[in-house]
C-alpha cells in the first residue's frame, strides 16, 4: 500500500502500457511482438529497481537478488525483442496468451477489493511483480520464445506463490496455476509442431 501511494500516478501509465501490450498480443506480427517485449522489459527494470531494490530489500534480505534477477530478465526481453521472429503461434496458444495477459492487466487489480482489502493494495501490471510475471509468460508464449527466457518469470511465480501460501493468502494458487497453464500451452505447441499429423 505504501509503495502504491509512493509511485501514484504511475499506475495510469502502467495501465496504458498494459492495454497497449494486450493490443500487441491480439494482433501478432513482428512489430507488435517487439513492442510487447520492450514494454515488458521496461516493466521488469522498473520493478527491479523501484520495488525490489528500493523497498523490498528493506524487509527481505533476498530483495537485492530479486532486483538483480528482474534486471537480467529486462535485458533478456530486450535481446529477444531485437531478434527476428518466425510464424505466429497456433490459435490455442494465442488464446491462452491473450487470456493470461488480460488477467494480468485487468484481473489482478481486482484481487485486492475482492479479497477484502482496499484499492491501495491493488497489484497493477508494470508496478507489481506478480501480474507482470503472468503477462510476461503470456507474451513469451505468443512469441514462441526459447525456454531460456521463461526461467526467471517461472521462478518468480514459484517464489511468490510459495510466499503467498505461507502467508495463507486466499489466491496463492493463482500464480502457480498460471505458470503451469503457460508451460502446458507452450509444450502443446511444440508437440503439435513436431507431430506429422499437423
Protein backbone atom coordinates (compact mmCIF):
# COMPACT_ATOMS: atom_id res chain seq x y z
CA UNK A 1 0.00 0.00 0.00
CA UNK A 2 2.85 2.39 0.82
CA UNK A 3 4.56 1.51 -2.45
CA UNK A 4 1.37 2.18 -4.41
CA UNK A 5 0.97 5.50 -2.66
CA UNK A 6 4.57 6.48 -3.35
CA UNK A 7 4.51 5.77 -7.10
CA UNK A 8 0.99 7.04 -7.89
CA UNK A 9 0.00 8.12 -10.57
CA UNK A 10 2.43 5.82 -12.37
CA UNK A 11 -0.40 3.27 -12.29
CA UNK A 12 -2.18 5.18 -15.05
CA UNK A 13 0.86 4.96 -17.30
CA UNK A 14 1.25 1.28 -16.39
CA UNK A 15 -2.39 0.60 -17.27
CA UNK A 16 -1.94 2.31 -20.63
CA UNK A 17 1.17 0.23 -21.27
CA UNK A 18 -0.72 -2.91 -20.30
CA UNK A 19 -3.55 -2.15 -22.71
CA UNK A 20 -1.01 -1.46 -25.46
CA UNK A 21 0.61 -4.81 -24.71
CA UNK A 22 -2.78 -6.52 -24.97
CA UNK A 23 -3.25 -4.93 -28.37
CA UNK A 24 0.12 -6.24 -29.48
CA UNK A 25 -0.72 -9.79 -28.40
CA UNK A 26 -4.14 -9.64 -30.04
CA UNK A 27 -2.59 -8.66 -33.39
CA UNK A 28 0.52 -10.83 -33.73
CA UNK A 29 3.28 -9.67 -36.01
CA UNK A 30 6.99 -8.89 -35.86
CA UNK A 31 6.46 -5.24 -34.84
CA UNK A 32 3.72 -5.93 -32.32
CA UNK A 33 5.71 -8.74 -30.68
CA UNK A 34 8.69 -6.43 -30.43
CA UNK A 35 6.55 -3.70 -28.90
CA UNK A 36 5.09 -6.05 -26.28
CA UNK A 37 8.53 -7.37 -25.33
CA UNK A 38 10.01 -3.89 -24.98
CA UNK A 39 7.10 -2.77 -22.78
CA UNK A 40 7.73 -5.78 -20.58
CA UNK A 41 11.45 -5.03 -20.43
CA UNK A 42 10.72 -1.55 -19.08
CA UNK A 43 8.30 -3.03 -16.54
CA UNK A 44 10.81 -5.60 -15.27
CA UNK A 45 13.55 -2.99 -14.98
CA UNK A 46 11.26 -0.59 -13.10
CA UNK A 47 10.03 -3.24 -10.65
CA UNK A 48 13.57 -4.48 -10.07
CA UNK A 49 14.66 -1.01 -9.03
CA UNK A 50 11.59 0.69 -7.54
CA UNK A 51 10.06 -2.32 -5.81
CA UNK A 52 12.75 -4.87 -5.01
CA UNK A 53 15.81 -2.69 -4.56
CA UNK A 54 14.27 0.45 -3.08
CA UNK A 55 11.58 -1.15 -0.88
CA UNK A 56 11.55 -4.94 -0.74
CA UNK A 57 15.23 -5.07 0.22
CA UNK A 58 14.39 -3.23 3.46
CA UNK A 59 12.31 -6.16 4.74
CA UNK A 60 13.79 -9.10 2.85
CA UNK A 61 17.49 -9.90 2.57
CA UNK A 62 16.78 -11.54 -0.79
CA UNK A 63 15.48 -8.22 -2.17
CA UNK A 64 18.75 -7.23 -3.92
CA UNK A 65 18.97 -10.66 -5.55
CA UNK A 66 15.39 -10.36 -6.76
CA UNK A 67 16.27 -6.93 -8.14
CA UNK A 68 19.23 -8.43 -10.00
CA UNK A 69 17.07 -11.20 -11.44
CA UNK A 70 14.49 -8.68 -12.62
CA UNK A 71 17.24 -6.61 -14.24
CA UNK A 72 18.57 -9.68 -16.03
CA UNK A 73 15.07 -10.51 -17.28
CA UNK A 74 14.70 -6.97 -18.60
CA UNK A 75 17.90 -7.41 -20.60
CA UNK A 76 16.77 -10.80 -21.89
CA UNK A 77 13.47 -9.34 -23.05
CA UNK A 78 15.32 -6.57 -24.88
CA UNK A 79 17.53 -9.17 -26.53
CA UNK A 80 14.65 -11.35 -27.74
CA UNK A 81 12.79 -8.22 -28.90
CA UNK A 82 15.64 -7.32 -31.22
CA UNK A 83 15.78 -10.77 -32.78
CA UNK A 84 13.76 -11.70 -35.82
CA UNK A 85 10.66 -13.78 -35.11
CA UNK A 86 9.04 -16.58 -37.02
CA UNK A 87 5.42 -17.50 -37.58
CA UNK A 88 2.64 -16.60 -35.20
CA UNK A 89 1.58 -19.13 -32.56
CA UNK A 90 -1.20 -21.64 -33.11
CA UNK A 91 -4.74 -20.49 -32.33
CA UNK A 92 -4.93 -22.21 -28.94
CA UNK A 93 -1.62 -20.74 -27.83
CA UNK A 94 -2.71 -17.28 -28.95
CA UNK A 95 -5.93 -17.53 -26.95
CA UNK A 96 -4.09 -18.74 -23.84
CA UNK A 97 -1.51 -15.97 -24.23
CA UNK A 98 -4.16 -13.31 -24.63
CA UNK A 99 -6.09 -14.71 -21.67
CA UNK A 100 -3.04 -14.61 -19.41
CA UNK A 101 -2.22 -11.05 -20.43
CA UNK A 102 -5.81 -9.92 -19.94
CA UNK A 103 -5.97 -11.45 -16.47
CA UNK A 104 -2.65 -9.84 -15.57
CA UNK A 105 -3.65 -6.35 -16.73
CA UNK A 106 -7.37 -6.24 -15.91
CA UNK A 107 -7.93 -9.05 -13.43
CA UNK A 108 -5.10 -8.72 -10.92
CA UNK A 109 -6.05 -5.23 -9.66
CA UNK A 110 -9.46 -6.63 -8.68
CA UNK A 111 -7.97 -9.24 -6.34
CA UNK A 112 -7.43 -6.68 -3.57
CA UNK A 113 -11.04 -5.48 -3.21
CA UNK A 114 -12.44 -8.96 -3.87
CA UNK A 115 -10.32 -10.38 -1.03
CA UNK A 116 -11.45 -7.66 1.38
CA UNK A 117 -8.54 -5.25 1.06
CA UNK A 118 -8.61 -1.68 -0.19
CA UNK A 119 -7.70 -0.44 -3.64
CA UNK A 120 -4.45 0.85 -2.18
CA UNK A 121 -3.32 -2.80 -2.07
CA UNK A 122 -4.13 -3.44 -5.74
CA UNK A 123 -1.42 -5.19 -7.77
CA UNK A 124 -1.07 -3.45 -11.11
CA UNK A 125 0.83 -4.68 -14.16
CA UNK A 126 4.12 -2.84 -14.56
CA UNK A 127 4.04 -1.76 -10.90
CA UNK A 128 3.76 -5.07 -9.03
CA UNK A 129 5.85 -8.15 -9.85
CA UNK A 130 3.15 -10.86 -9.85
CA UNK A 131 0.88 -9.57 -12.65
CA UNK A 132 3.96 -8.54 -14.61
CA UNK A 133 5.32 -12.09 -14.44
CA UNK A 134 1.98 -13.53 -15.58
CA UNK A 135 1.78 -11.09 -18.51
CA UNK A 136 5.35 -11.97 -19.44
CA UNK A 137 4.51 -15.66 -19.66
CA UNK A 138 1.61 -14.77 -21.95
CA UNK A 139 3.78 -12.68 -24.26
CA UNK A 140 6.58 -15.26 -24.31
CA UNK A 141 4.01 -17.87 -25.27
CA UNK A 142 2.69 -15.64 -28.06
CA UNK A 143 6.24 -15.04 -29.28
CA UNK A 144 7.21 -18.71 -29.14
CA UNK A 145 10.25 -17.63 -27.16
CA UNK A 146 13.06 -20.03 -26.25
CA UNK A 147 12.64 -21.69 -22.81
CA UNK A 148 15.62 -19.70 -21.53
CA UNK A 149 13.52 -16.54 -21.45
CA UNK A 150 10.87 -18.29 -19.35
CA UNK A 151 13.14 -19.26 -16.46
CA UNK A 152 13.03 -16.09 -14.36
CA UNK A 153 9.26 -15.46 -14.72
CA UNK A 154 8.57 -19.09 -13.81
CA UNK A 155 10.97 -18.92 -10.89
CA UNK A 156 9.23 -15.78 -9.63
CA UNK A 157 5.84 -17.48 -9.89
CA UNK A 158 7.19 -20.30 -7.73
CA UNK A 159 8.81 -18.00 -5.14
CA UNK A 160 5.90 -15.60 -4.87
CA UNK A 161 3.33 -18.39 -4.91
CA UNK A 162 5.14 -20.16 -2.06
CA UNK A 163 5.32 -16.91 -0.11
CA UNK A 164 1.61 -16.25 -0.53
CA UNK A 165 0.82 -19.81 0.52
CA UNK A 166 2.94 -19.39 3.64
CA UNK A 167 1.02 -16.19 4.40
CA UNK A 168 -2.25 -18.08 3.79
CA UNK A 169 -3.42 -15.67 1.10
CA UNK A 170 -6.62 -16.99 -0.47
CA UNK A 171 -5.46 -16.61 -4.08
CA UNK A 172 -1.96 -18.01 -3.55
CA UNK A 173 -2.75 -20.78 -6.04
CA UNK A 174 -3.17 -18.32 -8.93
CA UNK A 175 0.48 -17.77 -9.81
CA UNK A 176 1.48 -21.46 -9.92
CA UNK A 177 -1.69 -22.25 -11.87
CA UNK A 178 -0.98 -19.57 -14.48
CA UNK A 179 2.62 -20.75 -14.77
CA UNK A 180 1.54 -24.37 -15.32
CA UNK A 181 -1.05 -23.28 -17.88
CA UNK A 182 1.51 -21.25 -19.84
CA UNK A 183 4.06 -24.08 -19.84
CA UNK A 184 1.41 -26.63 -20.86
CA UNK A 185 0.29 -24.43 -23.76
CA UNK A 186 3.88 -23.98 -24.87
CA UNK A 187 4.56 -27.71 -24.75
CA UNK A 188 1.33 -28.40 -26.63
CA UNK A 189 2.52 -26.16 -29.44
CA UNK A 190 5.91 -27.88 -29.58
CA UNK A 191 4.23 -31.27 -29.65
CA UNK A 192 1.78 -30.28 -32.39
CA UNK A 193 4.55 -28.74 -34.47
CA UNK A 194 6.55 -31.97 -34.39
CA UNK A 195 3.57 -34.23 -35.00
CA UNK A 196 3.29 -35.47 -38.63
CA UNK A 197 -0.48 -35.06 -38.42
CA UNK A 198 -0.06 -31.28 -38.12
